[in-house]
Amino acid sequence: MMQEKETEIVEMRTVLAEVGAYFQHLRKQLVRMLLLGTVLSALALGYHFFQKPSFTAEATFILEEKSGGSGLAGLASQFGFDIAGMTGSNGIFAGDNVLDILGSRSIIEQVLLSEVPSAQNQRRRLVELFIDAEKLKQKKWQKIAGIDTLSFKSYAAGDRLRDSLLYLVYKQIGKKHLLVDRLNKKGTIIKVSATSRDEVFSKLFTERLVNATIAYYVGIKTSVAQLQLQRLEKRADSLSAILNAKTYETATQQILDANIAFKTAAVPGELTQRQKTLAYALYTEVTKNLEASRMSLAAQTPVINLLDTPKYPLEDGRTPWFILVLLAWGLVIGAGLLWTFFTYPSVKS
């Protein structure tokens, strides 16, 4: 026959005794906890004051692709104008290539070399704000000869030293300070954020990077159509000048009382009129193609709308001192309660 399992009975006075023993032991630990909490709070405050400033500027924009429709292509083809040949760049920015443009070396360096308004009309470039904020001259570049007096004010392409330093800044920004991504993996809203120790640099860099990318993107997307439009405009202007000249020439060669015995006298006027008619026909066709080209350019131009832009003041990313102090005391109290629970002398022992 199986033995029945004995049920342990815990009396209320035993529970109260255990609680009393726990709090009595906790009271003995209060001095240590207060001392440890004070030390950790001091360390937290020290960490707060030694934190580096961190200003983040964010900008978002939405990209809407446009392309010429088949109806427009059919209309233009009636006039002998090939729109399909002008849309060869439609696939250039497929997928996430626009994100690669935002982080490309040429675009970032172009933005870094842009001028920054400063007091007393002094010319400064954006890259110099970053160098000063990160103290690169005093840290990473301190061994470079003449680094203390080096300036980007007189920068010119081909300067080996400045090109090298500019490349190092580009690498550091792309690795640690710049974040480019889509808000939604399947969406068209793109977010650009830049973080640095300088509030002015973060804001200006983000704004100018987005604007430079938009200008480059639109320029490439419409480059073929722009060239075609310029050629047609030049041709139309040339034909218009020829047509005007032929009109004046036709008027001067008209003979009102020509002698019927000399029929060849009217030939120059007839030839001029024929050339005028031909020039007019060519001008009409070129004008039609020109209007079709303008419609195609408008259809191919992508629509890019800025949703959010960074504004002063930018939020400092450093952790507030009171949050650090609360975390320190929370850690001390939690650790103290657990330590007391596992170390207090039980009344059962």
Protein backbone atom coordinates (compact mmCIF):
# COMPACT_ATOMS: atom_id res chain seq x y z
CA MET A 1 0.00 0.00 0.00
CA MET A 2 1.39 3.38 -1.05
CA GLN A 3 2.20 5.87 1.69
CA GLU A 4 0.27 9.09 1.62
CA LYS A 5 2.33 12.25 1.01
CA GLU A 6 2.57 14.38 4.10
CA THR A 7 1.27 17.97 3.75
CA GLU A 8 3.50 20.63 5.30
CA ILE A 9 1.58 23.20 7.29
CA VAL A 10 3.02 26.73 7.48
CA GLU A 11 1.80 28.80 10.36
CA MET A 12 1.10 32.52 9.97
CA ARG A 13 3.46 33.37 12.80
CA THR A 14 6.25 31.61 10.92
CA VAL A 15 5.58 33.74 7.82
CA LEU A 16 5.54 36.93 9.89
CA ALA A 17 8.77 35.85 11.56
CA GLU A 18 10.40 35.33 8.17
CA VAL A 19 9.24 38.76 6.94
CA GLY A 20 10.49 40.36 10.11
CA ALA A 21 13.87 38.69 9.76
CA TYR A 22 14.05 39.85 6.12
CA PHE A 23 13.34 43.51 6.95
CA GLN A 24 15.67 43.42 9.95
CA HIS A 25 18.47 42.23 7.68
CA LEU A 26 17.47 44.82 5.06
CA ARG A 27 17.76 47.57 7.67
CA LYS A 28 21.33 46.51 8.30
CA GLN A 29 22.08 46.87 4.56
CA LEU A 30 20.62 50.39 4.21
CA VAL A 31 23.90 52.12 4.95
CA ARG A 32 25.68 50.12 2.27
CA MET A 33 22.86 50.72 -0.18
CA LEU A 34 22.86 54.46 0.47
CA LEU A 35 26.62 54.58 0.07
CA LEU A 36 26.51 52.54 -3.14
CA GLY A 37 23.62 54.61 -4.50
CA THR A 38 25.50 57.84 -3.83
CA VAL A 39 28.59 56.54 -5.59
CA LEU A 40 26.62 55.31 -8.62
CA SER A 41 24.69 58.61 -8.79
CA ALA A 42 27.97 60.53 -8.80
CA LEU A 43 29.27 58.27 -11.57
CA ALA A 44 26.02 58.80 -13.52
CA LEU A 45 26.34 62.56 -13.22
CA GLY A 46 29.96 62.37 -14.30
CA TYR A 47 28.98 60.29 -17.31
CA HIS A 48 26.30 62.85 -18.20
CA PHE A 49 28.75 65.74 -18.23
CA PHE A 50 31.32 63.76 -20.18
CA GLN A 51 28.82 62.72 -22.84
CA LYS A 52 29.52 64.14 -26.27
CA PRO A 53 26.77 66.29 -27.82
CA SER A 54 24.71 64.41 -30.36
CA PHE A 55 22.41 66.39 -32.64
CA THR A 56 20.36 64.44 -35.17
CA ALA A 57 18.66 66.11 -38.14
CA GLU A 58 16.06 64.16 -40.08
CA ALA A 59 14.43 64.78 -43.45
CA THR A 60 11.91 62.67 -45.35
CA PHE A 61 10.76 62.95 -48.93
CA ILE A 62 8.47 60.98 -51.21
CA LEU A 63 9.51 59.90 -54.67
CA GLU A 64 6.87 59.55 -57.36
CA GLU A 65 8.01 58.19 -60.72
CA LYS A 66 6.48 59.51 -63.93
CA SER A 67 6.85 58.15 -67.42
CA GLY A 68 5.49 58.98 -70.81
CA GLY A 69 2.30 57.10 -71.67
CA SER A 70 1.65 55.07 -74.79
CA GLY A 71 -0.91 57.63 -75.94
CA LEU A 72 1.70 60.37 -75.97
CA ALA A 73 4.16 58.12 -77.78
CA GLY A 74 1.56 57.30 -80.42
CA LEU A 75 0.68 60.96 -80.90
CA ALA A 76 4.32 61.94 -81.29
CA SER A 77 5.04 59.07 -83.68
CA GLN A 78 2.50 60.53 -86.11
CA PHE A 79 4.84 63.47 -86.53
CA GLY A 80 7.93 61.30 -86.90
CA PHE A 81 9.05 61.95 -83.32
CA ASP A 82 10.44 59.00 -81.33
CA ILE A 83 9.62 59.37 -77.64
CA ALA A 84 10.65 55.80 -76.86
CA GLY A 85 14.25 56.68 -77.62
CA MET A 86 14.10 59.48 -75.08
CA THR A 87 13.02 57.25 -72.22
CA GLY A 88 16.05 55.02 -72.15
CA SER A 89 16.97 56.11 -68.61
CA ASN A 90 13.76 54.83 -67.03
CA GLY A 91 15.54 51.87 -65.44
CA ILE A 92 18.57 53.74 -64.14
CA PHE A 93 17.10 54.35 -60.69
CA ALA A 94 15.12 51.15 -60.29
CA GLY A 95 15.02 49.64 -56.82
CA ASP A 96 17.10 51.26 -54.09
CA ASN A 97 19.61 53.02 -56.32
CA VAL A 98 18.40 56.40 -55.09
CA LEU A 99 19.59 55.35 -51.62
CA ASP A 100 23.02 54.66 -53.08
CA ILE A 101 23.06 58.14 -54.63
CA LEU A 102 22.37 59.69 -51.22
CA GLY A 103 25.42 57.91 -49.81
CA SER A 104 27.69 58.33 -52.83
CA ARG A 105 31.07 59.98 -52.52
CA SER A 106 30.48 62.59 -55.23
CA ILE A 107 27.24 63.86 -53.68
CA ILE A 108 28.55 63.90 -50.09
CA GLU A 109 31.78 65.66 -51.06
CA GLN A 110 29.83 68.18 -53.10
CA VAL A 111 27.74 68.98 -50.03
CA LEU A 112 30.77 69.09 -47.72
CA LEU A 113 32.44 71.66 -49.97
CA SER A 114 29.42 73.97 -49.99
CA GLU A 115 29.87 77.27 -48.20
CA VAL A 116 28.38 78.09 -44.81
CA PRO A 117 27.26 81.62 -43.87
CA SER A 118 29.36 82.95 -41.01
CA ALA A 119 30.06 86.18 -39.19
CA GLN A 120 32.18 88.94 -40.73
CA ASN A 121 31.64 87.46 -44.23
CA GLN A 122 34.24 84.77 -43.62
CA ARG A 123 34.13 81.94 -46.13
CA ARG A 124 33.81 78.56 -44.46
CA ARG A 125 32.91 75.21 -45.90
CA LEU A 126 30.66 72.62 -44.33
CA VAL A 127 33.53 70.14 -44.02
CA GLU A 128 35.34 72.56 -41.70
CA LEU A 129 32.39 72.55 -39.28
CA PHE A 130 32.61 68.77 -39.11
CA ILE A 131 36.38 68.78 -38.61
CA ASP A 132 36.10 71.29 -35.77
CA ALA A 133 33.19 69.45 -34.12
CA GLU A 134 34.96 66.08 -34.22
CA LYS A 135 38.34 67.69 -33.33
CA LEU A 136 40.04 65.68 -36.06
CA LYS A 137 43.01 68.06 -36.21
CA GLN A 138 43.72 67.52 -32.51
CA LYS A 139 43.20 63.75 -32.58
CA LYS A 140 43.44 61.67 -35.74
CA TRP A 141 45.28 64.22 -37.90
CA GLN A 142 47.60 65.77 -35.35
CA LYS A 143 50.71 64.17 -36.88
CA ILE A 144 50.10 65.64 -40.35
CA ALA A 145 52.56 68.43 -41.12
CA GLY A 146 50.90 71.84 -41.26
CA ILE A 147 47.50 70.52 -40.18
CA ASP A 148 46.95 73.41 -37.74
CA THR A 149 46.90 75.99 -40.52
CA LEU A 150 45.25 73.80 -43.16
CA SER A 151 42.03 75.27 -44.56
CA PHE A 152 39.50 74.27 -47.19
CA LYS A 153 38.71 77.88 -48.14
CA SER A 154 41.02 77.74 -51.13
CA TYR A 155 40.19 74.15 -52.06
CA ALA A 156 40.68 73.11 -55.67
CA ALA A 157 40.26 69.69 -57.23
CA GLY A 158 43.59 67.90 -57.55
CA ASP A 159 44.98 69.06 -54.20
CA ARG A 160 46.31 65.72 -52.99
CA LEU A 161 46.32 66.45 -49.25
CA ARG A 162 42.90 68.08 -49.12
CA ASP A 163 41.43 65.40 -51.38
CA SER A 164 42.73 62.72 -49.01
CA LEU A 165 41.35 64.46 -45.92
CA LEU A 166 38.03 65.03 -47.65
CA TYR A 167 37.87 61.32 -48.46
CA LEU A 168 38.53 60.44 -44.81
CA VAL A 169 35.68 62.73 -43.74
CA TYR A 170 33.40 61.11 -46.31
CA LYS A 171 34.27 57.62 -45.01
CA GLN A 172 33.64 58.63 -41.40
CA ILE A 173 30.31 60.29 -42.19
CA GLY A 174 29.08 57.34 -44.24
CA LYS A 175 30.11 54.88 -41.55
CA LYS A 176 29.02 56.59 -38.33
CA HIS A 177 26.99 59.75 -38.96
CA LEU A 178 24.65 59.17 -41.90
CA LEU A 179 21.61 56.89 -42.10
CA VAL A 180 19.53 56.53 -45.26
CA ASP A 181 16.62 54.13 -45.54
CA ARG A 182 13.00 53.75 -46.56
CA LEU A 183 10.34 54.22 -43.89
CA ASN A 184 8.57 51.24 -45.42
CA LYS A 185 10.42 48.57 -47.35
CA LYS A 186 7.74 48.58 -50.03
CA GLY A 187 7.03 52.32 -49.91
CA THR A 188 8.47 55.36 -51.66
CA ILE A 189 9.08 57.55 -48.59
CA ILE A 190 12.82 57.93 -47.94
CA LYS A 191 14.31 59.06 -44.64
CA VAL A 192 17.70 60.75 -44.31
CA SER A 193 19.23 61.45 -40.90
CA ALA A 194 22.61 62.90 -39.99
CA THR A 195 24.11 62.94 -36.49
CA SER A 196 27.05 65.04 -35.31
CA ARG A 197 28.27 67.11 -32.39
CA ASP A 198 27.50 70.35 -34.24
CA GLU A 199 23.85 71.36 -34.50
CA VAL A 200 24.44 73.61 -37.52
CA PHE A 201 26.34 70.92 -39.41
CA SER A 202 23.65 68.28 -38.84
CA LYS A 203 20.88 70.54 -40.13
CA LEU A 204 22.70 72.01 -43.13
CA PHE A 205 24.24 68.70 -44.18
CA THR A 206 20.89 66.90 -44.16
CA GLU A 207 19.09 69.65 -46.08
CA ARG A 208 21.81 70.07 -48.70
CA LEU A 209 22.31 66.33 -49.16
CA VAL A 210 18.62 65.86 -49.95
CA ASN A 211 18.52 68.87 -52.29
CA ALA A 212 21.69 67.82 -54.14
CA THR A 213 20.38 64.29 -54.57
CA ILE A 214 17.03 65.51 -55.88
CA ALA A 215 18.75 67.82 -58.38
CA TYR A 216 21.06 65.03 -59.56
CA TYR A 217 18.23 62.50 -59.75
CA VAL A 218 15.93 64.75 -61.77
CA GLY A 219 18.81 65.84 -64.02
CA ILE A 220 19.75 62.28 -64.94
CA LYS A 221 16.17 61.11 -65.36
CA THR A 222 15.44 63.92 -67.83
CA SER A 223 18.88 64.37 -69.43
CA VAL A 224 18.01 62.68 -72.73
CA ALA A 225 14.76 64.60 -73.07
CA GLN A 226 16.52 67.85 -72.17
CA LEU A 227 19.14 67.35 -74.90
CA GLN A 228 16.45 66.51 -77.45
CA LEU A 229 14.47 69.56 -76.43
CA GLN A 230 17.50 71.83 -76.75
CA ARG A 231 18.27 70.48 -80.23
CA LEU A 232 14.70 71.04 -81.38
CA GLU A 233 14.61 74.55 -79.92
CA LYS A 234 17.84 75.42 -81.72
CA ARG A 235 16.51 73.96 -84.98
CA ALA A 236 13.20 75.82 -84.61
CA ASP A 237 14.99 79.13 -84.03
CA SER A 238 17.16 78.54 -87.09
CA LEU A 239 14.17 77.73 -89.31
CA SER A 240 12.28 80.72 -87.95
CA ALA A 241 15.16 83.02 -88.94
CA ILE A 242 15.31 81.44 -92.41
CA LEU A 243 11.54 81.81 -92.84
CA ASN A 244 11.66 85.48 -91.86
CA ALA A 245 14.50 86.13 -94.28
CA LYS A 246 12.66 84.39 -97.13
CA THR A 247 9.55 86.45 -96.42
CA TYR A 248 11.49 89.71 -96.84
CA GLU A 249 13.28 88.32 -99.91
CA THR A 250 9.98 87.30 -101.54
CA ALA A 251 8.56 90.77 -100.98
CA THR A 252 11.55 92.49 -102.64
CA GLN A 253 11.46 90.26 -105.75
CA GLN A 254 7.79 90.72 -106.62
CA ILE A 255 7.36 92.46 -110.05
CA LEU A 256 4.05 94.28 -110.44
CA ASP A 257 4.34 95.39 -114.12
CA ALA A 258 6.57 92.72 -115.65
CA ASN A 259 6.98 92.69 -119.44
CA ILE A 260 5.25 89.60 -120.82
CA ALA A 261 8.04 89.25 -123.35
CA PHE A 262 10.49 88.49 -120.55
CA LYS A 263 8.82 85.66 -118.58
CA THR A 264 12.09 84.72 -116.90
CA ALA A 265 11.92 87.89 -114.84
CA ALA A 266 9.39 86.19 -112.51
CA VAL A 267 11.54 83.11 -111.92
CA PRO A 268 13.62 84.48 -108.95
CA GLY A 269 10.44 85.45 -107.12
CA GLU A 270 8.91 82.00 -107.74
CA LEU A 271 12.06 80.24 -106.49
CA THR A 272 12.10 82.38 -103.36
CA GLN A 273 8.42 81.64 -102.73
CA ARG A 274 9.09 77.91 -103.15
CA GLN A 275 11.96 78.07 -100.64
CA LYS A 276 9.73 79.99 -98.25
CA THR A 277 7.02 77.33 -98.56
CA LEU A 278 9.56 74.57 -97.90
CA ALA A 279 10.98 76.41 -94.88
CA TYR A 280 7.46 76.93 -93.56
CA ALA A 281 6.66 73.21 -93.88
CA LEU A 282 9.87 72.24 -92.07
CA TYR A 283 9.24 74.84 -89.37
CA THR A 284 5.72 73.47 -88.84
CA GLU A 285 6.98 69.90 -88.37
CA VAL A 286 9.79 70.95 -86.05
CA THR A 287 7.34 73.00 -83.98
CA LYS A 288 5.07 69.97 -83.61
CA ASN A 289 8.01 67.84 -82.52
CA LEU A 290 9.08 70.57 -80.11
CA GLU A 291 5.70 70.58 -78.37
CA ALA A 292 5.71 66.78 -78.21
CA SER A 293 9.20 66.93 -76.69
CA ARG A 294 8.03 69.34 -74.01
CA MET A 295 5.12 67.07 -73.17
CA SER A 296 7.48 64.09 -72.95
CA LEU A 297 9.87 66.01 -70.68
CA ALA A 298 7.02 66.94 -68.35
CA ALA A 299 5.87 63.30 -68.30
CA GLN A 300 9.36 61.98 -67.48
CA THR A 301 10.17 64.49 -64.73
CA PRO A 302 9.77 62.69 -61.38
CA VAL A 303 7.82 64.41 -58.64
CA ILE A 304 9.78 64.64 -55.37
CA ASN A 305 8.03 66.24 -52.41
CA LEU A 306 9.75 67.02 -49.12
CA LEU A 307 7.61 65.82 -46.23
CA ASP A 308 9.74 66.84 -43.25
CA THR A 309 12.82 69.02 -42.98
CA PRO A 310 15.06 69.60 -39.93
CA LYS A 311 14.34 72.72 -37.88
CA TYR A 312 16.11 74.44 -35.03
CA PRO A 313 16.52 73.61 -32.25
CA LEU A 314 17.63 70.03 -32.83
CA GLU A 315 17.18 67.63 -29.96
CA ASP A 316 20.33 66.72 -28.08
CA GLY A 317 20.67 62.94 -28.00
CA ARG A 318 22.52 62.87 -24.68
CA THR A 319 20.73 61.05 -21.85
CA PRO A 320 19.33 63.55 -19.27
CA TRP A 321 21.06 63.58 -15.89
CA PHE A 322 17.90 62.80 -13.88
CA ILE A 323 17.27 59.68 -15.99
CA LEU A 324 20.80 58.48 -15.25
CA VAL A 325 20.38 59.15 -11.51
CA LEU A 326 17.04 57.32 -11.42
CA LEU A 327 18.58 54.37 -13.22
CA ALA A 328 21.46 54.31 -10.71
CA TRP A 329 19.14 54.29 -7.69
CA GLY A 330 16.83 51.75 -9.32
CA LEU A 331 19.76 49.45 -9.89
CA VAL A 332 20.97 49.83 -6.30
CA ILE A 333 17.52 49.26 -4.77
CA GLY A 334 16.78 46.25 -6.97
CA ALA A 335 20.15 44.67 -6.31
CA GLY A 336 19.86 45.41 -2.58
CA LEU A 337 16.45 43.76 -2.27
CA LEU A 338 17.61 40.65 -4.11
CA TRP A 339 20.82 40.43 -2.11
CA THR A 340 18.93 40.74 1.16
CA PHE A 341 16.42 38.08 0.09
CA PHE A 342 19.11 35.50 -0.58
CA THR A 343 21.32 36.33 2.41
CA TYR A 344 18.99 37.09 5.34
CA PRO A 345 19.11 34.49 8.21
CA SER A 346 15.95 32.38 8.10
CA VAL A 347 14.12 31.66 11.35
CA LYS A 348 13.89 28.01 10.37
CA SER A 349 17.62 27.50 10.47
